[in-house]
Amino acid sequence: CRSTIHGSGFYIGDPNLMLAIMGPKVTSYLTEGPAAEKAAERLGSIERGTKIMVEHMTVFPTCSFLPGVNTIRTWHPRGPNEVEVWAFTVVDADAPDDIKEEFRRQTLRTFSAGGVFEQ
């Protein structure tokens, strides 16, 4: 975890947290499967392509994303003390249908309006 005067953030390179959040299918796809191979080819090494598992990022002030979990949030101020949040899940268009379905299920379970992390 790193903290600065501008806020804080984190990244975790251990796949166990990703495994707990996204399950074995998605974790395997991102760390050993076609997505990992494509990232390794593009970035020049398998370690670079698979090391960052879970993190949070914000492009101040209105766009946040969670790489690995692949969710994007846009924050829309609607008045004093009120913000509307639009949430999206991004999945590789080349991913197999079962991986796309697993992303959908796991993000609904964790990072959706009814998910365990959005309560």
PDB file of N, CA and C in Angstrom:
ATOM      1  N   CYS A   1       0.848  -1.178   0.000  1.00  0.00           N
ATOM      2  CA  CYS A   1       0.000   0.000   0.000  1.00  0.00           C
ATOM      3  C   CYS A   1       0.888   1.234   0.000  1.00  0.00           C
ATOM      4  N   ARG A   2       0.523   2.216  -0.749  1.00  0.00           N
ATOM      5  CA  ARG A   2       1.292   3.446  -0.811  1.00  0.00           C
ATOM      6  C   ARG A   2       0.354   4.609  -0.518  1.00  0.00           C
ATOM      7  N   SER A   3       0.777   5.493   0.343  1.00  0.00           N
ATOM      8  CA  SER A   3      -0.033   6.644   0.693  1.00  0.00           C
ATOM      9  C   SER A   3       0.737   7.921   0.372  1.00  0.00           C
ATOM     10  N   THR A   4       0.066   8.882  -0.223  1.00  0.00           N
ATOM     11  CA  THR A   4       0.674  10.167  -0.534  1.00  0.00           C
ATOM     12  C   THR A   4      -0.280  11.263  -0.089  1.00  0.00           C
ATOM     13  N   ILE A   5       0.120  12.488  -0.291  1.00  0.00           N
ATOM     14  CA  ILE A   5      -0.778  13.590   0.065  1.00  0.00           C
ATOM     15  C   ILE A   5      -1.992  13.632  -0.854  1.00  0.00           C
ATOM     16  N   HIS A   6      -1.921  12.907  -1.958  1.00  0.00           N
ATOM     17  CA  HIS A   6      -3.020  12.897  -2.924  1.00  0.00           C
ATOM     18  C   HIS A   6      -3.967  11.716  -2.752  1.00  0.00           C
ATOM     19  N   GLY A   7      -3.744  10.873  -1.751  1.00  0.00           N
ATOM     20  CA  GLY A   7      -4.599   9.706  -1.550  1.00  0.00           C
ATOM     21  C   GLY A   7      -3.762   8.458  -1.404  1.00  0.00           C
ATOM     22  N   SER A   8      -4.393   7.334  -1.523  1.00  0.00           N
ATOM     23  CA  SER A   8      -3.653   6.083  -1.381  1.00  0.00           C
ATOM     24  C   SER A   8      -4.153   5.065  -2.389  1.00  0.00           C
ATOM     25  N   GLY A   9      -3.369   4.036  -2.565  1.00  0.00           N
ATOM     26  CA  GLY A   9      -3.745   2.985  -3.487  1.00  0.00           C
ATOM     27  C   GLY A   9      -3.004   1.715  -3.120  1.00  0.00           C
ATOM     28  N   PHE A  10      -3.293   0.660  -3.849  1.00  0.00           N
ATOM     29  CA  PHE A  10      -2.602  -0.590  -3.579  1.00  0.00           C
ATOM     30  C   PHE A  10      -2.552  -1.453  -4.826  1.00  0.00           C
ATOM     31  N   TYR A  11      -1.627  -2.377  -4.815  1.00  0.00           N
ATOM     32  CA  TYR A  11      -1.658  -3.460  -5.793  1.00  0.00           C
ATOM     33  C   TYR A  11      -1.158  -4.702  -5.095  1.00  0.00           C
ATOM     34  N   ILE A  12      -1.691  -5.824  -5.484  1.00  0.00           N
ATOM     35  CA  ILE A  12      -1.311  -7.099  -4.895  1.00  0.00           C
ATOM     36  C   ILE A  12      -0.927  -8.025  -6.039  1.00  0.00           C
ATOM     37  N   GLY A  13       0.307  -8.526  -6.005  1.00  0.00           N
ATOM     38  CA  GLY A  13       0.787  -9.411  -7.048  1.00  0.00           C
ATOM     39  C   GLY A  13       0.520 -10.879  -6.767  1.00  0.00           C
ATOM     40  N   ASP A  14      -0.054 -11.180  -5.632  1.00  0.00           N
ATOM     41  CA  ASP A  14      -0.341 -12.562  -5.250  1.00  0.00           C
ATOM     42  C   ASP A  14      -1.676 -12.985  -5.852  1.00  0.00           C
ATOM     43  N   PRO A  15      -1.711 -14.064  -6.630  1.00  0.00           N
ATOM     44  CA  PRO A  15      -2.962 -14.458  -7.278  1.00  0.00           C
ATOM     45  C   PRO A  15      -4.030 -14.995  -6.318  1.00  0.00           C
ATOM     46  N   ASN A  16      -3.714 -15.200  -5.045  1.00  0.00           N
ATOM     47  CA  ASN A  16      -4.711 -15.749  -4.118  1.00  0.00           C
ATOM     48  C   ASN A  16      -5.900 -14.814  -3.901  1.00  0.00           C
ATOM     49  N   LEU A  17      -5.662 -13.509  -3.872  1.00  0.00           N
ATOM     50  CA  LEU A  17      -6.782 -12.574  -3.725  1.00  0.00           C
ATOM     51  C   LEU A  17      -7.655 -12.600  -4.978  1.00  0.00           C
ATOM     52  N   MET A  18      -7.017 -12.619  -6.140  1.00  0.00           N
ATOM     53  CA  MET A  18      -7.773 -12.730  -7.391  1.00  0.00           C
ATOM     54  C   MET A  18      -8.578 -14.022  -7.396  1.00  0.00           C
ATOM     55  N   LEU A  19      -7.986 -15.093  -6.925  1.00  0.00           N
ATOM     56  CA  LEU A  19      -8.675 -16.388  -6.854  1.00  0.00           C
ATOM     57  C   LEU A  19      -9.918 -16.288  -5.975  1.00  0.00           C
ATOM     58  N   ALA A  20      -9.798 -15.595  -4.839  1.00  0.00           N
ATOM     59  CA  ALA A  20     -10.935 -15.442  -3.922  1.00  0.00           C
ATOM     60  C   ALA A  20     -12.037 -14.572  -4.522  1.00  0.00           C
ATOM     61  N   ILE A  21     -11.662 -13.573  -5.306  1.00  0.00           N
ATOM     62  CA  ILE A  21     -12.647 -12.649  -5.867  1.00  0.00           C
ATOM     63  C   ILE A  21     -13.265 -13.184  -7.159  1.00  0.00           C
ATOM     64  N   MET A  22     -12.429 -13.650  -8.070  1.00  0.00           N
ATOM     65  CA  MET A  22     -12.901 -13.999  -9.412  1.00  0.00           C
ATOM     66  C   MET A  22     -13.010 -15.499  -9.670  1.00  0.00           C
ATOM     67  N   GLY A  23     -12.515 -16.319  -8.760  1.00  0.00           N
ATOM     68  CA  GLY A  23     -12.625 -17.764  -8.931  1.00  0.00           C
ATOM     69  C   GLY A  23     -11.506 -18.351  -9.779  1.00  0.00           C
ATOM     70  N   PRO A  24     -11.438 -19.684  -9.819  1.00  0.00           N
ATOM     71  CA  PRO A  24     -10.316 -20.350 -10.488  1.00  0.00           C
ATOM     72  C   PRO A  24     -10.296 -20.207 -12.014  1.00  0.00           C
ATOM     73  N   LYS A  25     -11.448 -20.177 -12.663  1.00  0.00           N
ATOM     74  CA  LYS A  25     -11.471 -20.086 -14.128  1.00  0.00           C
ATOM     75  C   LYS A  25     -10.848 -18.787 -14.621  1.00  0.00           C
ATOM     76  N   VAL A  26     -11.315 -17.673 -14.071  1.00  0.00           N
ATOM     77  CA  VAL A  26     -10.822 -16.364 -14.507  1.00  0.00           C
ATOM     78  C   VAL A  26      -9.364 -16.193 -14.104  1.00  0.00           C
ATOM     79  N   THR A  27      -9.013 -16.589 -12.884  1.00  0.00           N
ATOM     80  CA  THR A  27      -7.629 -16.454 -12.426  1.00  0.00           C
ATOM     81  C   THR A  27      -6.689 -17.244 -13.328  1.00  0.00           C
ATOM     82  N   SER A  28      -7.058 -18.457 -13.652  1.00  0.00           N
ATOM     83  CA  SER A  28      -6.239 -19.282 -14.540  1.00  0.00           C
ATOM     84  C   SER A  28      -6.131 -18.651 -15.927  1.00  0.00           C
ATOM     85  N   TYR A  29      -7.234 -18.140 -16.435  1.00  0.00           N
ATOM     86  CA  TYR A  29      -7.240 -17.489 -17.750  1.00  0.00           C
ATOM     87  C   TYR A  29      -6.275 -16.304 -17.767  1.00  0.00           C
ATOM     88  N   LEU A  30      -6.268 -15.511 -16.680  1.00  0.00           N
ATOM     89  CA  LEU A  30      -5.428 -14.316 -16.636  1.00  0.00           C
ATOM     90  C   LEU A  30      -3.973 -14.609 -16.299  1.00  0.00           C
ATOM     91  N   THR A  31      -3.684 -15.721 -15.626  1.00  0.00           N
ATOM     92  CA  THR A  31      -2.311 -15.989 -15.192  1.00  0.00           C
ATOM     93  C   THR A  31      -1.606 -17.083 -15.988  1.00  0.00           C
ATOM     94  N   GLU A  32      -2.369 -17.965 -16.644  1.00  0.00           N
ATOM     95  CA  GLU A  32      -1.749 -19.085 -17.358  1.00  0.00           C
ATOM     96  C   GLU A  32      -2.276 -19.248 -18.778  1.00  0.00           C
ATOM     97  N   GLY A  33      -3.441 -18.728 -19.047  1.00  0.00           N
ATOM     98  CA  GLY A  33      -4.116 -18.983 -20.317  1.00  0.00           C
ATOM     99  C   GLY A  33      -3.779 -17.985 -21.400  1.00  0.00           C
ATOM    100  N   PRO A  34      -4.646 -17.900 -22.389  1.00  0.00           N
ATOM    101  CA  PRO A  34      -4.422 -17.031 -23.548  1.00  0.00           C
ATOM    102  C   PRO A  34      -4.212 -15.556 -23.185  1.00  0.00           C
ATOM    103  N   ALA A  35      -4.904 -15.062 -22.183  1.00  0.00           N
ATOM    104  CA  ALA A  35      -4.730 -13.653 -21.797  1.00  0.00           C
ATOM    105  C   ALA A  35      -3.317 -13.416 -21.279  1.00  0.00           C
ATOM    106  N   ALA A  36      -2.785 -14.350 -20.492  1.00  0.00           N
ATOM    107  CA  ALA A  36      -1.421 -14.231 -19.975  1.00  0.00           C
ATOM    108  C   ALA A  36      -0.406 -14.303 -21.114  1.00  0.00           C
ATOM    109  N   GLU A  37      -0.642 -15.196 -22.053  1.00  0.00           N
ATOM    110  CA  GLU A  37       0.264 -15.335 -23.198  1.00  0.00           C
ATOM    111  C   GLU A  37       0.273 -14.063 -24.041  1.00  0.00           C
ATOM    112  N   LYS A  38      -0.910 -13.491 -24.270  1.00  0.00           N
ATOM    113  CA  LYS A  38      -1.010 -12.256 -25.050  1.00  0.00           C
ATOM    114  C   LYS A  38      -0.312 -11.100 -24.320  1.00  0.00           C
ATOM    115  N   ALA A  39      -0.507 -11.012 -23.003  1.00  0.00           N
ATOM    116  CA  ALA A  39       0.141  -9.959 -22.215  1.00  0.00           C
ATOM    117  C   ALA A  39       1.656 -10.133 -22.232  1.00  0.00           C
ATOM    118  N   ALA A  40       2.131 -11.368 -22.099  1.00  0.00           N
ATOM    119  CA  ALA A  40       3.568 -11.635 -22.109  1.00  0.00           C
ATOM    120  C   ALA A  40       4.186 -11.238 -23.452  1.00  0.00           C
ATOM    121  N   GLU A  41       3.497 -11.567 -24.524  1.00  0.00           N
ATOM    122  CA  GLU A  41       3.993 -11.213 -25.853  1.00  0.00           C
ATOM    123  C   GLU A  41       4.050  -9.697 -26.016  1.00  0.00           C
ATOM    124  N   ARG A  42       3.015  -9.033 -25.574  1.00  0.00           N
ATOM    125  CA  ARG A  42       2.935  -7.576 -25.720  1.00  0.00           C
ATOM    126  C   ARG A  42       3.915  -6.840 -24.814  1.00  0.00           C
ATOM    127  N   LEU A  43       4.094  -7.343 -23.573  1.00  0.00           N
ATOM    128  CA  LEU A  43       4.927  -6.650 -22.592  1.00  0.00           C
ATOM    129  C   LEU A  43       6.356  -7.179 -22.513  1.00  0.00           C
ATOM    130  N   GLY A  44       6.632  -8.275 -23.202  1.00  0.00           N
ATOM    131  CA  GLY A  44       8.001  -8.759 -23.257  1.00  0.00           C
ATOM    132  C   GLY A  44       8.386  -9.805 -22.227  1.00  0.00           C
ATOM    133  N   SER A  45       7.508 -10.126 -21.294  1.00  0.00           N
ATOM    134  CA  SER A  45       7.813 -11.195 -20.330  1.00  0.00           C
ATOM    135  C   SER A  45       6.530 -11.676 -19.673  1.00  0.00           C
ATOM    136  N   ILE A  46       6.519 -12.953 -19.325  1.00  0.00           N
ATOM    137  CA  ILE A  46       5.340 -13.529 -18.672  1.00  0.00           C
ATOM    138  C   ILE A  46       5.124 -12.906 -17.298  1.00  0.00           C
ATOM    139  N   GLU A  47       6.214 -12.561 -16.611  1.00  0.00           N
ATOM    140  CA  GLU A  47       6.064 -11.972 -15.278  1.00  0.00           C
ATOM    141  C   GLU A  47       5.353 -10.629 -15.347  1.00  0.00           C
ATOM    142  N   ARG A  48       5.728  -9.789 -16.286  1.00  0.00           N
ATOM    143  CA  ARG A  48       5.046  -8.498 -16.430  1.00  0.00           C
ATOM    144  C   ARG A  48       3.571  -8.680 -16.750  1.00  0.00           C
ATOM    145  N   GLY A  49       3.267  -9.658 -17.561  1.00  0.00           N
ATOM    146  CA  GLY A  49       1.889  -9.868 -17.989  1.00  0.00           C
ATOM    147  C   GLY A  49       0.983 -10.442 -16.930  1.00  0.00           C
ATOM    148  N   THR A  50       1.567 -11.062 -15.902  1.00  0.00           N
ATOM    149  CA  THR A  50       0.734 -11.753 -14.914  1.00  0.00           C
ATOM    150  C   THR A  50       0.970 -11.296 -13.489  1.00  0.00           C
ATOM    151  N   LYS A  51       1.867 -10.367 -13.242  1.00  0.00           N
ATOM    152  CA  LYS A  51       2.258 -10.023 -11.873  1.00  0.00           C
ATOM    153  C   LYS A  51       1.206  -9.196 -11.140  1.00  0.00           C
ATOM    154  N   ILE A  52       0.620  -8.232 -11.793  1.00  0.00           N
ATOM    155  CA  ILE A  52      -0.336  -7.367 -11.106  1.00  0.00           C
ATOM    156  C   ILE A  52      -1.704  -8.021 -11.158  1.00  0.00           C
ATOM    157  N   MET A  53      -2.161  -8.496 -10.026  1.00  0.00           N
ATOM    158  CA  MET A  53      -3.414  -9.244  -9.955  1.00  0.00           C
ATOM    159  C   MET A  53      -4.594  -8.367  -9.579  1.00  0.00           C
ATOM    160  N   VAL A  54      -4.461  -7.626  -8.505  1.00  0.00           N
ATOM    161  CA  VAL A  54      -5.573  -6.840  -7.986  1.00  0.00           C
ATOM    162  C   VAL A  54      -5.025  -5.478  -7.574  1.00  0.00           C
ATOM    163  N   GLU A  55      -5.694  -4.442  -7.985  1.00  0.00           N
ATOM    164  CA  GLU A  55      -5.308  -3.087  -7.614  1.00  0.00           C
ATOM    165  C   GLU A  55      -6.497  -2.168  -7.851  1.00  0.00           C
ATOM    166  N   HIS A  56      -6.373  -0.963  -7.366  1.00  0.00           N
ATOM    167  CA  HIS A  56      -7.406   0.015  -7.710  1.00  0.00           C
ATOM    168  C   HIS A  56      -6.728   1.266  -8.228  1.00  0.00           C
ATOM    169  N   MET A  57      -7.386   1.917  -9.158  1.00  0.00           N
ATOM    170  CA  MET A  57      -6.843   3.123  -9.779  1.00  0.00           C
ATOM    171  C   MET A  57      -7.980   4.105 -10.006  1.00  0.00           C
ATOM    172  N   THR A  58      -7.656   5.383  -9.909  1.00  0.00           N
ATOM    173  CA  THR A  58      -8.634   6.426 -10.208  1.00  0.00           C
ATOM    174  C   THR A  58      -7.970   7.498 -11.050  1.00  0.00           C
ATOM    175  N   VAL A  59      -8.640   7.885 -12.119  1.00  0.00           N
ATOM    176  CA  VAL A  59      -8.248   9.050 -12.887  1.00  0.00           C
ATOM    177  C   VAL A  59      -9.148  10.156 -12.360  1.00  0.00           C
ATOM    178  N   PHE A  60      -8.584  10.980 -11.477  1.00  0.00           N
ATOM    179  CA  PHE A  60      -9.364  11.973 -10.752  1.00  0.00           C
ATOM    180  C   PHE A  60     -10.065  12.895 -11.736  1.00  0.00           C
ATOM    181  N   PRO A  61     -11.271  13.279 -11.493  1.00  0.00           N
ATOM    182  CA  PRO A  61     -12.076  12.935 -10.331  1.00  0.00           C
ATOM    183  C   PRO A  61     -13.179  11.920 -10.606  1.00  0.00           C
ATOM    184  N   THR A  62     -13.341  11.477 -11.867  1.00  0.00           N
ATOM    185  CA  THR A  62     -14.596  10.770 -12.146  1.00  0.00           C
ATOM    186  C   THR A  62     -14.480   9.392 -12.783  1.00  0.00           C
ATOM    187  N   CYS A  63     -13.316   8.801 -12.801  1.00  0.00           N
ATOM    188  CA  CYS A  63     -13.194   7.480 -13.421  1.00  0.00           C
ATOM    189  C   CYS A  63     -12.296   6.590 -12.569  1.00  0.00           C
ATOM    190  N   SER A  64     -12.806   5.448 -12.166  1.00  0.00           N
ATOM    191  CA  SER A  64     -12.028   4.488 -11.385  1.00  0.00           C
ATOM    192  C   SER A  64     -12.084   3.134 -12.070  1.00  0.00           C
ATOM    193  N   PHE A  65     -11.033   2.350 -11.881  1.00  0.00           N
ATOM    194  CA  PHE A  65     -11.049   1.011 -12.449  1.00  0.00           C
ATOM    195  C   PHE A  65     -10.256   0.049 -11.586  1.00  0.00           C
ATOM    196  N   LEU A  66     -10.637  -1.216 -11.690  1.00  0.00           N
ATOM    197  CA  LEU A  66      -9.989  -2.300 -10.955  1.00  0.00           C
ATOM    198  C   LEU A  66      -9.427  -3.293 -11.967  1.00  0.00           C
ATOM    199  N   PRO A  67      -8.153  -3.153 -12.345  1.00  0.00           N
ATOM    200  CA  PRO A  67      -7.562  -4.132 -13.256  1.00  0.00           C
ATOM    201  C   PRO A  67      -7.603  -5.531 -12.647  1.00  0.00           C
ATOM    202  N   GLY A  68      -7.715  -6.525 -13.474  1.00  0.00           N
ATOM    203  CA  GLY A  68      -7.831  -7.905 -12.994  1.00  0.00           C
ATOM    204  C   GLY A  68      -9.281  -8.271 -12.786  1.00  0.00           C
ATOM    205  N   VAL A  69      -9.965  -7.490 -11.971  1.00  0.00           N
ATOM    206  CA  VAL A  69     -11.402  -7.671 -11.799  1.00  0.00           C
ATOM    207  C   VAL A  69     -12.121  -7.065 -13.007  1.00  0.00           C
ATOM    208  N   ASN A  70     -11.458  -6.095 -13.634  1.00  0.00           N
ATOM    209  CA  ASN A  70     -11.914  -5.469 -14.877  1.00  0.00           C
ATOM    210  C   ASN A  70     -13.234  -4.726 -14.743  1.00  0.00           C
ATOM    211  N   THR A  71     -13.384  -3.991 -13.672  1.00  0.00           N
ATOM    212  CA  THR A  71     -14.557  -3.133 -13.544  1.00  0.00           C
ATOM    213  C   THR A  71     -14.132  -1.679 -13.698  1.00  0.00           C
ATOM    214  N   ILE A  72     -15.007  -0.893 -14.272  1.00  0.00           N
ATOM    215  CA  ILE A  72     -14.799   0.543 -14.454  1.00  0.00           C
ATOM    216  C   ILE A  72     -15.982   1.252 -13.826  1.00  0.00           C
ATOM    217  N   ARG A  73     -15.711   2.331 -13.109  1.00  0.00           N
ATOM    218  CA  ARG A  73     -16.760   3.150 -12.504  1.00  0.00           C
ATOM    219  C   ARG A  73     -16.593   4.584 -12.988  1.00  0.00           C
ATOM    220  N   THR A  74     -17.698   5.197 -13.366  1.00  0.00           N
ATOM    221  CA  THR A  74     -17.684   6.636 -13.602  1.00  0.00           C
ATOM    222  C   THR A  74     -18.584   7.269 -12.555  1.00  0.00           C
ATOM    223  N   TRP A  75     -18.107   8.347 -11.981  1.00  0.00           N
ATOM    224  CA  TRP A  75     -18.769   9.009 -10.857  1.00  0.00           C
ATOM    225  C   TRP A  75     -19.393  10.300 -11.374  1.00  0.00           C
ATOM    226  N   HIS A  76     -20.708  10.435 -11.204  1.00  0.00           N
ATOM    227  CA  HIS A  76     -21.445  11.588 -11.701  1.00  0.00           C
ATOM    228  C   HIS A  76     -22.061  12.347 -10.525  1.00  0.00           C
ATOM    229  N   PRO A  77     -21.502  13.509 -10.160  1.00  0.00           N
ATOM    230  CA  PRO A  77     -22.107  14.302  -9.091  1.00  0.00           C
ATOM    231  C   PRO A  77     -23.524  14.716  -9.481  1.00  0.00           C
ATOM    232  N   ARG A  78     -24.463  14.536  -8.567  1.00  0.00           N
ATOM    233  CA  ARG A  78     -25.862  14.871  -8.829  1.00  0.00           C
ATOM    234  C   ARG A  78     -26.391  15.934  -7.877  1.00  0.00           C
ATOM    235  N   GLY A  79     -25.511  16.537  -7.115  1.00  0.00           N
ATOM    236  CA  GLY A  79     -25.910  17.566  -6.173  1.00  0.00           C
ATOM    237  C   GLY A  79     -25.108  17.420  -4.897  1.00  0.00           C
ATOM    238  N   PRO A  80     -25.361  18.287  -3.933  1.00  0.00           N
ATOM    239  CA  PRO A  80     -24.646  18.176  -2.662  1.00  0.00           C
ATOM    240  C   PRO A  80     -24.887  16.805  -2.027  1.00  0.00           C
ATOM    241  N   ASN A  81     -23.827  16.148  -1.638  1.00  0.00           N
ATOM    242  CA  ASN A  81     -23.899  14.853  -0.940  1.00  0.00           C
ATOM    243  C   ASN A  81     -24.546  13.739  -1.761  1.00  0.00           C
ATOM    244  N   GLU A  82     -24.550  13.858  -3.074  1.00  0.00           N
ATOM    245  CA  GLU A  82     -25.153  12.814  -3.898  1.00  0.00           C
ATOM    246  C   GLU A  82     -24.292  12.556  -5.135  1.00  0.00           C
ATOM    247  N   VAL A  83     -24.027  11.283  -5.391  1.00  0.00           N
ATOM    248  CA  VAL A  83     -23.247  10.875  -6.552  1.00  0.00           C
ATOM    249  C   VAL A  83     -23.919   9.665  -7.190  1.00  0.00           C
ATOM    250  N   GLU A  84     -24.039   9.691  -8.504  1.00  0.00           N
ATOM    251  CA  GLU A  84     -24.538   8.529  -9.239  1.00  0.00           C
ATOM    252  C   GLU A  84     -23.321   7.796  -9.804  1.00  0.00           C
ATOM    253  N   VAL A  85     -23.307   6.482  -9.654  1.00  0.00           N
ATOM    254  CA  VAL A  85     -22.176   5.681 -10.121  1.00  0.00           C
ATOM    255  C   VAL A  85     -22.636   4.771 -11.248  1.00  0.00           C
ATOM    256  N   TRP A  86     -21.947   4.843 -12.363  1.00  0.00           N
ATOM    257  CA  TRP A  86     -22.185   3.914 -13.462  1.00  0.00           C
ATOM    258  C   TRP A  86     -21.079   2.874 -13.419  1.00  0.00           C
ATOM    259  N   ALA A  87     -21.439   1.603 -13.492  1.00  0.00           N
ATOM    260  CA  ALA A  87     -20.458   0.521 -13.377  1.00  0.00           C
ATOM    261  C   ALA A  87     -20.467  -0.343 -14.634  1.00  0.00           C
ATOM    262  N   PHE A  88     -19.281  -0.704 -15.067  1.00  0.00           N
ATOM    263  CA  PHE A  88     -19.109  -1.535 -16.257  1.00  0.00           C
ATOM    264  C   PHE A  88     -18.109  -2.641 -15.954  1.00  0.00           C
ATOM    265  N   THR A  89     -18.266  -3.770 -16.608  1.00  0.00           N
ATOM    266  CA  THR A  89     -17.271  -4.837 -16.561  1.00  0.00           C
ATOM    267  C   THR A  89     -16.721  -5.009 -17.966  1.00  0.00           C
ATOM    268  N   VAL A  90     -15.403  -5.066 -18.073  1.00  0.00           N
ATOM    269  CA  VAL A  90     -14.738  -5.198 -19.361  1.00  0.00           C
ATOM    270  C   VAL A  90     -14.151  -6.600 -19.463  1.00  0.00           C
ATOM    271  N   VAL A  91     -14.440  -7.275 -20.560  1.00  0.00           N
ATOM    272  CA  VAL A  91     -13.912  -8.620 -20.792  1.00  0.00           C
ATOM    273  C   VAL A  91     -13.317  -8.666 -22.193  1.00  0.00           C
ATOM    274  N   ASP A  92     -12.194  -9.334 -22.316  1.00  0.00           N
ATOM    275  CA  ASP A  92     -11.519  -9.505 -23.595  1.00  0.00           C
ATOM    276  C   ASP A  92     -12.488 -10.089 -24.623  1.00  0.00           C
ATOM    277  N   ALA A  93     -12.632  -9.431 -25.748  1.00  0.00           N
ATOM    278  CA  ALA A  93     -13.548  -9.908 -26.789  1.00  0.00           C
ATOM    279  C   ALA A  93     -13.157 -11.289 -27.302  1.00  0.00           C
ATOM    280  N   ASP A  94     -11.874 -11.619 -27.222  1.00  0.00           N
ATOM    281  CA  ASP A  94     -11.396 -12.921 -27.688  1.00  0.00           C
ATOM    282  C   ASP A  94     -11.531 -14.020 -26.640  1.00  0.00           C
ATOM    283  N   ALA A  95     -11.981 -13.670 -25.443  1.00  0.00           N
ATOM    284  CA  ALA A  95     -12.108 -14.682 -24.379  1.00  0.00           C
ATOM    285  C   ALA A  95     -13.178 -15.703 -24.758  1.00  0.00           C
ATOM    286  N   PRO A  96     -12.980 -16.951 -24.354  1.00  0.00           N
ATOM    287  CA  PRO A  96     -14.015 -17.963 -24.603  1.00  0.00           C
ATOM    288  C   PRO A  96     -15.311 -17.603 -23.870  1.00  0.00           C
ATOM    289  N   ASP A  97     -16.418 -18.109 -24.360  1.00  0.00           N
ATOM    290  CA  ASP A  97     -17.719 -17.800 -23.768  1.00  0.00           C
ATOM    291  C   ASP A  97     -17.798 -18.178 -22.292  1.00  0.00           C
ATOM    292  N   ASP A  98     -17.180 -19.290 -21.890  1.00  0.00           N
ATOM    293  CA  ASP A  98     -17.252 -19.680 -20.479  1.00  0.00           C
ATOM    294  C   ASP A  98     -16.493 -18.697 -19.589  1.00  0.00           C
ATOM    295  N   ILE A  99     -15.425 -18.086 -20.090  1.00  0.00           N
ATOM    296  CA  ILE A  99     -14.692 -17.069 -19.323  1.00  0.00           C
ATOM    297  C   ILE A  99     -15.525 -15.792 -19.238  1.00  0.00           C
ATOM    298  N   LYS A 100     -16.159 -15.400 -20.324  1.00  0.00           N
ATOM    299  CA  LYS A 100     -17.038 -14.220 -20.299  1.00  0.00           C
ATOM    300  C   LYS A 100     -18.164 -14.417 -19.288  1.00  0.00           C
ATOM    301  N   GLU A 101     -18.757 -15.598 -19.291  1.00  0.00           N
ATOM    302  CA  GLU A 101     -19.831 -15.900 -18.341  1.00  0.00           C
ATOM    303  C   GLU A 101     -19.313 -15.890 -16.912  1.00  0.00           C
ATOM    304  N   GLU A 102     -18.112 -16.394 -16.687  1.00  0.00           N
ATOM    305  CA  GLU A 102     -17.538 -16.408 -15.336  1.00  0.00           C
ATOM    306  C   GLU A 102     -17.245 -14.990 -14.850  1.00  0.00           C
ATOM    307  N   PHE A 103     -16.720 -14.125 -15.722  1.00  0.00           N
ATOM    308  CA  PHE A 103     -16.535 -12.713 -15.366  1.00  0.00           C
ATOM    309  C   PHE A 103     -17.871 -12.108 -14.946  1.00  0.00           C
ATOM    310  N   ARG A 104     -18.913 -12.358 -15.734  1.00  0.00           N
ATOM    311  CA  ARG A 104     -20.238 -11.814 -15.424  1.00  0.00           C
ATOM    312  C   ARG A 104     -20.711 -12.288 -14.058  1.00  0.00           C
ATOM    313  N   ARG A 105     -20.642 -13.585 -13.811  1.00  0.00           N
ATOM    314  CA  ARG A 105     -21.108 -14.143 -12.533  1.00  0.00           C
ATOM    315  C   ARG A 105     -20.302 -13.609 -11.344  1.00  0.00           C
ATOM    316  N   GLN A 106     -18.998 -13.590 -11.481  1.00  0.00           N
ATOM    317  CA  GLN A 106     -18.160 -13.185 -10.350  1.00  0.00           C
ATOM    318  C   GLN A 106     -18.265 -11.688 -10.064  1.00  0.00           C
ATOM    319  N   THR A 107     -18.391 -10.857 -11.104  1.00  0.00           N
ATOM    320  CA  THR A 107     -18.555  -9.432 -10.816  1.00  0.00           C
ATOM    321  C   THR A 107     -19.937  -9.134 -10.257  1.00  0.00           C
ATOM    322  N   LEU A 108     -20.950  -9.875 -10.665  1.00  0.00           N
ATOM    323  CA  LEU A 108     -22.269  -9.730 -10.037  1.00  0.00           C
ATOM    324  C   LEU A 108     -22.199 -10.102  -8.560  1.00  0.00           C
ATOM    325  N   ARG A 109     -21.456 -11.146  -8.254  1.00  0.00           N
ATOM    326  CA  ARG A 109     -21.332 -11.640  -6.883  1.00  0.00           C
ATOM    327  C   ARG A 109     -20.523 -10.689  -6.000  1.00  0.00           C
ATOM    328  N   THR A 110     -19.571  -9.975  -6.582  1.00  0.00           N
ATOM    329  CA  THR A 110     -18.650  -9.177  -5.770  1.00  0.00           C
ATOM    330  C   THR A 110     -18.794  -7.672  -5.965  1.00  0.00           C
ATOM    331  N   PHE A 111     -18.664  -7.181  -7.199  1.00  0.00           N
ATOM    332  CA  PHE A 111     -18.600  -5.744  -7.446  1.00  0.00           C
ATOM    333  C   PHE A 111     -19.806  -5.213  -8.209  1.00  0.00           C
ATOM    334  N   SER A 112     -20.998  -5.604  -7.799  1.00  0.00           N
ATOM    335  CA  SER A 112     -22.226  -5.047  -8.374  1.00  0.00           C
ATOM    336  C   SER A 112     -23.029  -4.415  -7.244  1.00  0.00           C
ATOM    337  N   ALA A 113     -24.153  -3.836  -7.575  1.00  0.00           N
ATOM    338  CA  ALA A 113     -24.975  -3.182  -6.545  1.00  0.00           C
ATOM    339  C   ALA A 113     -25.343  -4.138  -5.414  1.00  0.00           C
ATOM    340  N   GLY A 114     -25.530  -5.404  -5.717  1.00  0.00           N
ATOM    341  CA  GLY A 114     -25.856  -6.393  -4.689  1.00  0.00           C
ATOM    342  C   GLY A 114     -24.669  -7.239  -4.276  1.00  0.00           C
ATOM    343  N   GLY A 115     -23.479  -6.907  -4.781  1.00  0.00           N
ATOM    344  CA  GLY A 115     -22.284  -7.702  -4.486  1.00  0.00           C
ATOM    345  C   GLY A 115     -21.748  -7.473  -3.080  1.00  0.00           C
ATOM    346  N   VAL A 116     -20.932  -8.405  -2.632  1.00  0.00           N
ATOM    347  CA  VAL A 116     -20.432  -8.345  -1.256  1.00  0.00           C
ATOM    348  C   VAL A 116     -19.526  -7.146  -1.000  1.00  0.00           C
ATOM    349  N   PHE A 117     -18.894  -6.570  -2.032  1.00  0.00           N
ATOM    350  CA  PHE A 117     -18.005  -5.428  -1.811  1.00  0.00           C
ATOM    351  C   PHE A 117     -18.686  -4.086  -2.053  1.00  0.00           C
ATOM    352  N   GLU A 118     -19.902  -4.075  -2.526  1.00  0.00           N
ATOM    353  CA  GLU A 118     -20.590  -2.823  -2.851  1.00  0.00           C
ATOM    354  C   GLU A 118     -21.687  -2.473  -1.850  1.00  0.00           C
ATOM    355  N   GLN A 119     -21.814  -3.210  -0.793  1.00  0.00           N
ATOM    356  CA  GLN A 119     -22.879  -2.967   0.185  1.00  0.00           C
ATOM    357  C   GLN A 119     -22.659  -1.671   0.926  1.00  0.00           C
TER     358      GLN A 119
END
